PDB file of N, CA and C in Angstrom:
ATOM      1  N   UNK A   1    -151.499  89.414  78.347  1.00  0.00           N
ATOM      2  CA  UNK A   1    -151.141  90.270  79.839  1.00  0.00           C
ATOM      3  C   UNK A   1    -149.887  89.557  80.268  1.00  0.00           C
ATOM      4  N   UNK A   2    -150.043  87.750  79.933  1.00  0.00           N
ATOM      5  CA  UNK A   2    -148.635  87.131  79.890  1.00  0.00           C
ATOM      6  C   UNK A   2    -148.215  86.785  79.336  1.00  0.00           C
ATOM      7  N   UNK A   3    -147.991  87.342  77.457  1.00  0.00           N
ATOM      8  CA  UNK A   3    -146.906  88.071  77.103  1.00  0.00           C
ATOM      9  C   UNK A   3    -146.255  89.429  78.042  1.00  0.00           C
ATOM     10  N   UNK A   4    -146.654  89.977  78.450  1.00  0.00           N
ATOM     11  CA  UNK A   4    -146.443  91.033  78.605  1.00  0.00           C
ATOM     12  C   UNK A   4    -145.275  90.747  79.595  1.00  0.00           C
ATOM     13  N   UNK A   5    -145.889  89.704  80.974  1.00  0.00           N
ATOM     14  CA  UNK A   5    -144.903  89.091  81.818  1.00  0.00           C
ATOM     15  C   UNK A   5    -144.389  88.599  81.913  1.00  0.00           C
ATOM     16  N   UNK A   6    -143.910  87.649  80.315  1.00  0.00           N
ATOM     17  CA  UNK A   6    -142.625  87.086  79.723  1.00  0.00           C
ATOM     18  C   UNK A   6    -141.657  87.783  79.838  1.00  0.00           C
ATOM     19  N   UNK A   7    -141.640  89.263  79.195  1.00  0.00           N
ATOM     20  CA  UNK A   7    -141.577  89.888  78.143  1.00  0.00           C
ATOM     21  C   UNK A   7    -140.314  91.278  80.089  1.00  0.00           C
ATOM     22  N   UNK A   8    -141.309  91.387  80.611  1.00  0.00           N
ATOM     23  CA  UNK A   8    -141.239  92.025  82.111  1.00  0.00           C
ATOM     24  C   UNK A   8    -139.865  90.591  82.551  1.00  0.00           C
ATOM     25  N   UNK A   9    -139.882  89.661  82.958  1.00  0.00           N
ATOM     26  CA  UNK A   9    -138.868  88.999  83.473  1.00  0.00           C
ATOM     27  C   UNK A   9    -137.662  88.417  82.439  1.00  0.00           C
ATOM     28  N   UNK A  10    -137.327  88.568  81.212  1.00  0.00           N
ATOM     29  CA  UNK A  10    -136.768  88.407  80.203  1.00  0.00           C
ATOM     30  C   UNK A  10    -136.237  89.909  80.410  1.00  0.00           C
ATOM     31  N   UNK A  11    -135.911  90.498  80.190  1.00  0.00           N
ATOM     32  CA  UNK A  11    -135.430  92.108  81.090  1.00  0.00           C
ATOM     33  C   UNK A  11    -134.286  92.090  81.639  1.00  0.00           C
ATOM     34  N   UNK A  12    -134.382  92.079  82.796  1.00  0.00           N
ATOM     35  CA  UNK A  12    -134.032  91.297  84.269  1.00  0.00           C
ATOM     36  C   UNK A  12    -133.235  90.133  83.955  1.00  0.00           C
ATOM     37  N   UNK A  13    -133.431  88.954  83.196  1.00  0.00           N
ATOM     38  CA  UNK A  13    -132.697  87.840  82.768  1.00  0.00           C
ATOM     39  C   UNK A  13    -131.506  88.753  82.398  1.00  0.00           C
ATOM     40  N   UNK A  14    -131.816  88.831  81.472  1.00  0.00           N
ATOM     41  CA  UNK A  14    -131.066  89.240  80.316  1.00  0.00           C
ATOM     42  C   UNK A  14    -129.772  90.258  80.350  1.00  0.00           C
ATOM     43  N   UNK A  15    -130.361  90.665  81.617  1.00  0.00           N
ATOM     44  CA  UNK A  15    -129.088  92.390  81.911  1.00  0.00           C
ATOM     45  C   UNK A  15    -127.778  91.435  82.997  1.00  0.00           C
ATOM     46  N   UNK A  16    -128.797  90.310  83.300  1.00  0.00           N
ATOM     47  CA  UNK A  16    -127.387  89.249  84.273  1.00  0.00           C
ATOM     48  C   UNK A  16    -127.151  88.611  83.127  1.00  0.00           C
ATOM     49  N   UNK A  17    -127.913  88.183  82.599  1.00  0.00           N
ATOM     50  CA  UNK A  17    -126.790  87.610  81.681  1.00  0.00           C
ATOM     51  C   UNK A  17    -125.599  88.606  81.277  1.00  0.00           C
ATOM     52  N   UNK A  18    -125.719  89.269  80.431  1.00  0.00           N
ATOM     53  CA  UNK A  18    -124.674  90.259  79.942  1.00  0.00           C
ATOM     54  C   UNK A  18    -124.093  90.699  81.092  1.00  0.00           C
ATOM     55  N   UNK A  19    -124.568  90.976  82.384  1.00  0.00           N
ATOM     56  CA  UNK A  19    -123.382  91.843  82.896  1.00  0.00           C
ATOM     57  C   UNK A  19    -122.228  90.051  83.477  1.00  0.00           C
ATOM     58  N   UNK A  20    -123.039  89.358  83.687  1.00  0.00           N
ATOM     59  CA  UNK A  20    -121.963  87.569  83.515  1.00  0.00           C
ATOM     60  C   UNK A  20    -120.908  87.344  82.526  1.00  0.00           C
ATOM     61  N   UNK A  21    -121.632  87.085  81.384  1.00  0.00           N
ATOM     62  CA  UNK A  21    -120.785  87.384  80.515  1.00  0.00           C
ATOM     63  C   UNK A  21    -120.053  88.550  80.301  1.00  0.00           C
ATOM     64  N   UNK A  22    -119.986  89.765  80.619  1.00  0.00           N
ATOM     65  CA  UNK A  22    -118.895  90.667  81.023  1.00  0.00           C
ATOM     66  C   UNK A  22    -117.990  90.083  81.984  1.00  0.00           C
ATOM     67  N   UNK A  23    -117.432  89.826  82.737  1.00  0.00           N
ATOM     68  CA  UNK A  23    -117.600  89.332  83.832  1.00  0.00           C
ATOM     69  C   UNK A  23    -116.850  88.062  83.277  1.00  0.00           C
ATOM     70  N   UNK A  24    -117.243  87.279  83.008  1.00  0.00           N
ATOM     71  CA  UNK A  24    -116.612  86.046  81.673  1.00  0.00           C
ATOM     72  C   UNK A  24    -115.215  86.551  81.555  1.00  0.00           C
ATOM     73  N   UNK A  25    -115.478  88.516  80.443  1.00  0.00           N
ATOM     74  CA  UNK A  25    -114.656  88.241  79.290  1.00  0.00           C
ATOM     75  C   UNK A  25    -113.088  88.606  80.328  1.00  0.00           C
ATOM     76  N   UNK A  26    -113.457  90.153  81.906  1.00  0.00           N
ATOM     77  CA  UNK A  26    -112.827  89.734  82.593  1.00  0.00           C
ATOM     78  C   UNK A  26    -111.887  88.484  83.025  1.00  0.00           C
ATOM     79  N   UNK A  27    -111.818  88.141  82.936  1.00  0.00           N
ATOM     80  CA  UNK A  27    -111.221  87.038  84.049  1.00  0.00           C
ATOM     81  C   UNK A  27    -112.022  85.452  83.921  1.00  0.00           C
ATOM     82  N   UNK A  28    -111.637  84.862  82.894  1.00  0.00           N
ATOM     83  CA  UNK A  28    -112.589  83.351  82.824  1.00  0.00           C
ATOM     84  C   UNK A  28    -111.611  82.316  84.318  1.00  0.00           C
ATOM     85  N   UNK A  29    -112.970  82.473  85.195  1.00  0.00           N
ATOM     86  CA  UNK A  29    -113.127  81.691  85.916  1.00  0.00           C
ATOM     87  C   UNK A  29    -114.412  81.125  86.137  1.00  0.00           C
ATOM     88  N   UNK A  30    -114.075  80.034  87.168  1.00  0.00           N
ATOM     89  CA  UNK A  30    -115.446  79.034  87.069  1.00  0.00           C
ATOM     90  C   UNK A  30    -116.479  79.533  87.734  1.00  0.00           C
ATOM     91  N   UNK A  31    -116.145  80.623  88.553  1.00  0.00           N
ATOM     92  CA  UNK A  31    -117.255  81.437  89.331  1.00  0.00           C
ATOM     93  C   UNK A  31    -117.969  81.967  88.298  1.00  0.00           C
ATOM     94  N   UNK A  32    -117.098  82.832  87.037  1.00  0.00           N
ATOM     95  CA  UNK A  32    -118.341  83.609  86.305  1.00  0.00           C
ATOM     96  C   UNK A  32    -118.983  82.668  85.121  1.00  0.00           C
ATOM     97  N   UNK A  33    -118.207  80.974  85.145  1.00  0.00           N
ATOM     98  CA  UNK A  33    -118.772  80.593  84.329  1.00  0.00           C
ATOM     99  C   UNK A  33    -120.285  79.846  84.651  1.00  0.00           C
ATOM    100  N   UNK A  34    -119.939  80.112  85.912  1.00  0.00           N
ATOM    101  CA  UNK A  34    -121.429  79.085  87.019  1.00  0.00           C
ATOM    102  C   UNK A  34    -122.268  80.388  86.729  1.00  0.00           C
ATOM    103  N   UNK A  35    -121.587  81.362  86.393  1.00  0.00           N
ATOM    104  CA  UNK A  35    -123.135  82.191  86.899  1.00  0.00           C
ATOM    105  C   UNK A  35    -123.397  82.894  85.245  1.00  0.00           C
ATOM    106  N   UNK A  36    -123.144  82.567  84.611  1.00  0.00           N
ATOM    107  CA  UNK A  36    -123.189  82.564  82.807  1.00  0.00           C
ATOM    108  C   UNK A  36    -123.851  80.779  82.317  1.00  0.00           C
ATOM    109  N   UNK A  37    -123.945  80.286  82.837  1.00  0.00           N
ATOM    110  CA  UNK A  37    -125.163  78.941  82.799  1.00  0.00           C
ATOM    111  C   UNK A  37    -125.713  79.431  83.691  1.00  0.00           C
ATOM    112  N   UNK A  38    -126.011  80.282  84.709  1.00  0.00           N
ATOM    113  CA  UNK A  38    -127.745  80.495  85.466  1.00  0.00           C
ATOM    114  C   UNK A  38    -127.686  81.653  84.934  1.00  0.00           C
ATOM    115  N   UNK A  39    -127.907  82.132  84.570  1.00  0.00           N
ATOM    116  CA  UNK A  39    -127.961  83.803  83.501  1.00  0.00           C
ATOM    117  C   UNK A  39    -128.380  82.852  82.358  1.00  0.00           C
ATOM    118  N   UNK A  40    -128.119  82.392  81.832  1.00  0.00           N
ATOM    119  CA  UNK A  40    -128.575  82.036  80.515  1.00  0.00           C
ATOM    120  C   UNK A  40    -129.764  80.524  80.290  1.00  0.00           C
ATOM    121  N   UNK A  41    -129.519  80.062  81.672  1.00  0.00           N
ATOM    122  CA  UNK A  41    -130.622  78.970  82.587  1.00  0.00           C
ATOM    123  C   UNK A  41    -132.125  79.930  82.365  1.00  0.00           C
ATOM    124  N   UNK A  42    -132.035  81.475  83.292  1.00  0.00           N
ATOM    125  CA  UNK A  42    -133.261  82.364  83.043  1.00  0.00           C
ATOM    126  C   UNK A  42    -133.058  82.757  82.890  1.00  0.00           C
ATOM    127  N   UNK A  43    -132.818  83.163  81.122  1.00  0.00           N
ATOM    128  CA  UNK A  43    -132.942  84.091  79.767  1.00  0.00           C
ATOM    129  C   UNK A  43    -133.760  82.643  79.331  1.00  0.00           C
ATOM    130  N   UNK A  44    -133.752  81.102  80.108  1.00  0.00           N
ATOM    131  CA  UNK A  44    -134.966  79.902  78.960  1.00  0.00           C
ATOM    132  C   UNK A  44    -136.317  80.330  79.506  1.00  0.00           C
ATOM    133  N   UNK A  45    -135.670  80.084  80.447  1.00  0.00           N
ATOM    134  CA  UNK A  45    -137.204  80.154  81.541  1.00  0.00           C
ATOM    135  C   UNK A  45    -137.816  81.273  81.108  1.00  0.00           C
ATOM    136  N   UNK A  46    -137.886  82.987  80.957  1.00  0.00           N
ATOM    137  CA  UNK A  46    -138.528  84.173  80.441  1.00  0.00           C
ATOM    138  C   UNK A  46    -138.925  83.329  78.867  1.00  0.00           C
ATOM    139  N   UNK A  47    -137.742  82.701  77.854  1.00  0.00           N
ATOM    140  CA  UNK A  47    -137.994  82.534  77.054  1.00  0.00           C
ATOM    141  C   UNK A  47    -139.517  81.860  76.740  1.00  0.00           C
ATOM    142  N   UNK A  48    -139.065  80.647  76.980  1.00  0.00           N
ATOM    143  CA  UNK A  48    -140.234  79.630  77.459  1.00  0.00           C
ATOM    144  C   UNK A  48    -141.607  80.083  77.886  1.00  0.00           C
ATOM    145  N   UNK A  49    -141.108  80.983  78.546  1.00  0.00           N
ATOM    146  CA  UNK A  49    -143.021  82.199  78.678  1.00  0.00           C
ATOM    147  C   UNK A  49    -143.292  82.531  77.371  1.00  0.00           C
ATOM    148  N   UNK A  50    -142.402  83.668  77.195  1.00  0.00           N
ATOM    149  CA  UNK A  50    -142.596  84.341  75.743  1.00  0.00           C
ATOM    150  C   UNK A  50    -143.241  83.745  74.442  1.00  0.00           C
ATOM    151  N   UNK A  51    -142.733  81.898  74.986  1.00  0.00           N
ATOM    152  CA  UNK A  51    -143.099  81.218  73.607  1.00  0.00           C
ATOM    153  C   UNK A  51    -144.163  80.295  73.872  1.00  0.00           C
ATOM    154  N   UNK A  52    -144.735  80.248  74.853  1.00  0.00           N
ATOM    155  CA  UNK A  52    -146.157  79.490  75.391  1.00  0.00           C
ATOM    156  C   UNK A  52    -146.975  81.126  75.249  1.00  0.00           C
ATOM    157  N   UNK A  53    -146.964  82.511  75.431  1.00  0.00           N
ATOM    158  CA  UNK A  53    -147.899  83.414  75.718  1.00  0.00           C
ATOM    159  C   UNK A  53    -147.792  83.312  73.866  1.00  0.00           C
ATOM    160  N   UNK A  54    -146.744  84.153  72.885  1.00  0.00           N
ATOM    161  CA  UNK A  54    -146.984  83.584  71.122  1.00  0.00           C
ATOM    162  C   UNK A  54    -147.302  82.545  70.920  1.00  0.00           C
ATOM    163  N   UNK A  55    -147.434  81.400  71.600  1.00  0.00           N
ATOM    164  CA  UNK A  55    -148.023  79.990  70.968  1.00  0.00           C
ATOM    165  C   UNK A  55    -147.304  79.119  70.076  1.00  0.00           C
ATOM    166  N   UNK A  56    -146.275  79.664  70.617  1.00  0.00           N
ATOM    167  CA  UNK A  56    -144.688  79.059  69.110  1.00  0.00           C
ATOM    168  C   UNK A  56    -143.873  77.890  69.101  1.00  0.00           C
ATOM    169  N   UNK A  57    -144.526  76.660  68.414  1.00  0.00           N
ATOM    170  CA  UNK A  57    -143.585  75.418  69.004  1.00  0.00           C
ATOM    171  C   UNK A  57    -144.958  74.995  69.594  1.00  0.00           C
ATOM    172  N   UNK A  58    -146.273  74.941  69.866  1.00  0.00           N
ATOM    173  CA  UNK A  58    -147.362  74.279  70.523  1.00  0.00           C
ATOM    174  C   UNK A  58    -147.053  72.515  70.678  1.00  0.00           C
ATOM    175  N   UNK A  59    -146.012  72.223  69.562  1.00  0.00           N
ATOM    176  CA  UNK A  59    -146.423  70.502  69.950  1.00  0.00           C
ATOM    177  C   UNK A  59    -145.196  70.527  71.524  1.00  0.00           C
ATOM    178  N   UNK A  60    -144.099  71.139  72.088  1.00  0.00           N
ATOM    179  CA  UNK A  60    -143.886  71.929  73.312  1.00  0.00           C
ATOM    180  C   UNK A  60    -144.572  71.229  74.330  1.00  0.00           C
ATOM    181  N   UNK A  61    -146.086  71.791  74.081  1.00  0.00           N
ATOM    182  CA  UNK A  61    -146.807  71.426  74.951  1.00  0.00           C
ATOM    183  C   UNK A  61    -146.403  72.410  75.721  1.00  0.00           C
ATOM    184  N   UNK A  62    -146.530  73.394  76.230  1.00  0.00           N
ATOM    185  CA  UNK A  62    -145.992  75.248  77.350  1.00  0.00           C
ATOM    186  C   UNK A  62    -147.682  74.828  77.796  1.00  0.00           C
ATOM    187  N   UNK A  63    -146.695  74.981  79.092  1.00  0.00           N
ATOM    188  CA  UNK A  63    -147.806  74.632  80.092  1.00  0.00           C
ATOM    189  C   UNK A  63    -148.690  73.827  80.258  1.00  0.00           C
ATOM    190  N   UNK A  64    -148.783  72.512  80.085  1.00  0.00           N
ATOM    191  CA  UNK A  64    -148.674  71.549  80.255  1.00  0.00           C
ATOM    192  C   UNK A  64    -148.030  70.278  81.475  1.00  0.00           C
ATOM    193  N   UNK A  65    -148.511  69.799  82.659  1.00  0.00           N
ATOM    194  CA  UNK A  65    -147.772  68.917  82.608  1.00  0.00           C
ATOM    195  C   UNK A  65    -147.526  67.480  81.521  1.00  0.00           C
ATOM    196  N   UNK A  66    -146.328  67.242  82.154  1.00  0.00           N
ATOM    197  CA  UNK A  66    -145.374  66.025  81.821  1.00  0.00           C
ATOM    198  C   UNK A  66    -145.119  66.975  80.160  1.00  0.00           C
ATOM    199  N   UNK A  67    -145.377  68.149  79.513  1.00  0.00           N
ATOM    200  CA  UNK A  67    -145.059  68.249  78.812  1.00  0.00           C
ATOM    201  C   UNK A  67    -142.809  68.596  78.588  1.00  0.00           C
ATOM    202  N   UNK A  68    -143.153  68.158  77.162  1.00  0.00           N
ATOM    203  CA  UNK A  68    -141.159  68.271  76.453  1.00  0.00           C
ATOM    204  C   UNK A  68    -141.160  70.378  77.274  1.00  0.00           C
ATOM    205  N   UNK A  69    -142.350  70.523  76.870  1.00  0.00           N
ATOM    206  CA  UNK A  69    -142.071  72.091  77.556  1.00  0.00           C
ATOM    207  C   UNK A  69    -141.845  72.268  79.553  1.00  0.00           C
ATOM    208  N   UNK A  70    -142.764  71.569  79.459  1.00  0.00           N
ATOM    209  CA  UNK A  70    -142.850  71.823  80.346  1.00  0.00           C
ATOM    210  C   UNK A  70    -141.697  71.755  82.268  1.00  0.00           C
ATOM    211  N   UNK A  71    -141.050  70.876  80.981  1.00  0.00           N
ATOM    212  CA  UNK A  71    -139.973  69.946  81.793  1.00  0.00           C
ATOM    213  C   UNK A  71    -138.471  71.478  81.486  1.00  0.00           C
ATOM    214  N   UNK A  72    -138.511  71.236  80.121  1.00  0.00           N
ATOM    215  CA  UNK A  72    -137.839  72.493  79.611  1.00  0.00           C
ATOM    216  C   UNK A  72    -137.557  73.859  80.413  1.00  0.00           C
ATOM    217  N   UNK A  73    -138.600  74.264  81.146  1.00  0.00           N
ATOM    218  CA  UNK A  73    -138.790  75.224  81.144  1.00  0.00           C
ATOM    219  C   UNK A  73    -138.518  74.775  83.020  1.00  0.00           C
ATOM    220  N   UNK A  74    -138.733  73.981  84.194  1.00  0.00           N
ATOM    221  CA  UNK A  74    -138.649  73.605  84.811  1.00  0.00           C
ATOM    222  C   UNK A  74    -137.109  72.731  85.271  1.00  0.00           C
ATOM    223  N   UNK A  75    -136.175  72.419  84.385  1.00  0.00           N
ATOM    224  CA  UNK A  75    -134.861  72.288  84.577  1.00  0.00           C
ATOM    225  C   UNK A  75    -133.976  72.851  84.366  1.00  0.00           C
ATOM    226  N   UNK A  76    -134.858  74.664  83.253  1.00  0.00           N
ATOM    227  CA  UNK A  76    -134.273  75.554  83.172  1.00  0.00           C
ATOM    228  C   UNK A  76    -133.841  76.867  84.159  1.00  0.00           C
ATOM    229  N   UNK A  77    -135.295  76.701  85.059  1.00  0.00           N
ATOM    230  CA  UNK A  77    -135.597  77.163  86.427  1.00  0.00           C
ATOM    231  C   UNK A  77    -134.350  76.724  87.792  1.00  0.00           C
ATOM    232  N   UNK A  78    -134.656  75.738  87.370  1.00  0.00           N
ATOM    233  CA  UNK A  78    -133.758  74.738  88.505  1.00  0.00           C
ATOM    234  C   UNK A  78    -132.038  76.006  88.747  1.00  0.00           C
ATOM    235  N   UNK A  79    -132.202  74.789  87.492  1.00  0.00           N
ATOM    236  CA  UNK A  79    -129.986  75.177  87.051  1.00  0.00           C
ATOM    237  C   UNK A  79    -129.999  76.932  87.054  1.00  0.00           C
ATOM    238  N   UNK A  80    -131.292  77.358  86.290  1.00  0.00           N
ATOM    239  CA  UNK A  80    -130.245  79.077  86.730  1.00  0.00           C
ATOM    240  C   UNK A  80    -130.823  79.736  88.212  1.00  0.00           C
ATOM    241  N   UNK A  81    -132.047  78.806  89.114  1.00  0.00           N
ATOM    242  CA  UNK A  81    -131.286  79.187  90.317  1.00  0.00           C
ATOM    243  C   UNK A  81    -130.492  78.334  91.610  1.00  0.00           C
ATOM    244  N   UNK A  82    -129.695  77.654  90.483  1.00  0.00           N
ATOM    245  CA  UNK A  82    -128.968  76.759  91.791  1.00  0.00           C
ATOM    246  C   UNK A  82    -127.678  77.670  90.712  1.00  0.00           C
ATOM    247  N   UNK A  83    -127.315  77.718  89.475  1.00  0.00           N
ATOM    248  CA  UNK A  83    -125.845  78.145  89.157  1.00  0.00           C
ATOM    249  C   UNK A  83    -125.227  79.341  89.741  1.00  0.00           C
ATOM    250  N   UNK A  84    -126.395  80.589  89.145  1.00  0.00           N
ATOM    251  CA  UNK A  84    -125.979  81.515  89.290  1.00  0.00           C
ATOM    252  C   UNK A  84    -125.688  81.728  90.870  1.00  0.00           C
ATOM    253  N   UNK A  85    -126.035  81.485  91.397  1.00  0.00           N
ATOM    254  CA  UNK A  85    -125.944  81.611  93.512  1.00  0.00           C
ATOM    255  C   UNK A  85    -124.942  81.222  93.647  1.00  0.00           C
ATOM    256  N   UNK A  86    -124.484  80.295  93.157  1.00  0.00           N
ATOM    257  CA  UNK A  86    -123.653  79.269  93.821  1.00  0.00           C
ATOM    258  C   UNK A  86    -121.839  80.266  92.578  1.00  0.00           C
ATOM    259  N   UNK A  87    -121.724  81.009  91.442  1.00  0.00           N
ATOM    260  CA  UNK A  87    -121.328  80.920  90.941  1.00  0.00           C
ATOM    261  C   UNK A  87    -121.633  82.505  91.420  1.00  0.00           C
ATOM    262  N   UNK A  88    -122.324  83.080  91.692  1.00  0.00           N
ATOM    263  CA  UNK A  88    -121.976  84.679  92.543  1.00  0.00           C
ATOM    264  C   UNK A  88    -121.772  84.272  94.277  1.00  0.00           C
ATOM    265  N   UNK A  89    -122.029  82.909  94.674  1.00  0.00           N
ATOM    266  CA  UNK A  89    -120.952  83.418  96.547  1.00  0.00           C
ATOM    267  C   UNK A  89    -119.594  82.507  96.069  1.00  0.00           C
ATOM    268  N   UNK A  90    -119.437  82.266  95.032  1.00  0.00           N
ATOM    269  CA  UNK A  90    -117.851  81.938  94.596  1.00  0.00           C
ATOM    270  C   UNK A  90    -117.131  83.007  94.084  1.00  0.00           C
ATOM    271  N   UNK A  91    -117.977  83.583  93.607  1.00  0.00           N
ATOM    272  CA  UNK A  91    -116.642  84.857  92.931  1.00  0.00           C
ATOM    273  C   UNK A  91    -116.458  85.785  94.827  1.00  0.00           C
ATOM    274  N   UNK A  92    -117.538  86.129  95.186  1.00  0.00           N
ATOM    275  CA  UNK A  92    -117.303  87.114  96.504  1.00  0.00           C
ATOM    276  C   UNK A  92    -116.343  86.967  97.426  1.00  0.00           C
ATOM    277  N   UNK A  93    -115.970  84.885  97.743  1.00  0.00           N
ATOM    278  CA  UNK A  93    -115.374  84.426  98.684  1.00  0.00           C
ATOM    279  C   UNK A  93    -114.125  84.351  98.367  1.00  0.00           C
ATOM    280  N   UNK A  94    -114.054  83.327  96.434  1.00  0.00           N
ATOM    281  CA  UNK A  94    -112.574  83.452  96.571  1.00  0.00           C
ATOM    282  C   UNK A  94    -111.543  85.314  95.988  1.00  0.00           C
ATOM    283  N   UNK A  95    -112.521  85.845  96.013  1.00  0.00           N
ATOM    284  CA  UNK A  95    -112.780  86.972  95.271  1.00  0.00           C
ATOM    285  C   UNK A  95    -111.941  88.034  95.896  1.00  0.00           C
ATOM    286  N   UNK A  96    -112.805  87.822  97.917  1.00  0.00           N
ATOM    287  CA  UNK A  96    -112.780  88.766  99.164  1.00  0.00           C
ATOM    288  C   UNK A  96    -111.811  90.053  98.170  1.00  0.00           C
ATOM    289  N   UNK A  97    -110.321  89.085  99.121  1.00  0.00           N
ATOM    290  CA  UNK A  97    -109.122  89.338  99.538  1.00  0.00           C
ATOM    291  C   UNK A  97    -108.531  90.246  97.887  1.00  0.00           C
ATOM    292  N   UNK A  98    -108.956  90.022  97.226  1.00  0.00           N
ATOM    293  CA  UNK A  98    -108.132  90.572  95.794  1.00  0.00           C
ATOM    294  C   UNK A  98    -107.920  92.128  95.813  1.00  0.00           C
ATOM    295  N   UNK A  99    -106.929  92.160  95.165  1.00  0.00           N
ATOM    296  CA  UNK A  99    -106.849  94.097  94.982  1.00  0.00           C
ATOM    297  C   UNK A  99    -106.924  94.380  96.254  1.00  0.00           C
ATOM    298  N   UNK A 100    -106.729  93.955  97.743  1.00  0.00           N
ATOM    299  CA  UNK A 100    -107.058  94.857  98.637  1.00  0.00           C
ATOM    300  C   UNK A 100    -105.788  94.665  99.211  1.00  0.00           C
ATOM    301  N   UNK A 101    -104.929  96.106  99.730  1.00  0.00           N
ATOM    302  CA  UNK A 101    -103.932  95.609 100.371  1.00  0.00           C
ATOM    303  C   UNK A 101    -104.303  96.158 101.922  1.00  0.00           C
ATOM    304  N   UNK A 102    -103.872  95.572 102.916  1.00  0.00           N
ATOM    305  CA  UNK A 102    -103.604  95.566 104.539  1.00  0.00           C
ATOM    306  C   UNK A 102    -102.398  96.451 104.905  1.00  0.00           C
ATOM    307  N   UNK A 103    -100.979  95.699 104.873  1.00  0.00           N
ATOM    308  CA  UNK A 103     -99.947  96.620 104.379  1.00  0.00           C
ATOM    309  C   UNK A 103     -99.473  97.655 104.231  1.00  0.00           C
TER     310      UNK A 103
END
């Protein structure tokens, strides 16, 4: 069951990453770069849970407090939940008036 949950989490994170990469390919902007970094961090979080469920790299101490796996998971989650929304908000605020003409 934990493996299924990890794969279910990996699907939207991967979708976010692909979308962010496509946005970055359209134009190399700071907002697109932040979104790619944030989405990649969320994919790392999901992969941490896949590795934990499959018991891959047991020396990482997946699921144990004060282990390398715990800190990788935690830091990736913090980065992903910070960088992606900041990049998205920048994209909305900076790109809001582009392409439209009121004249």
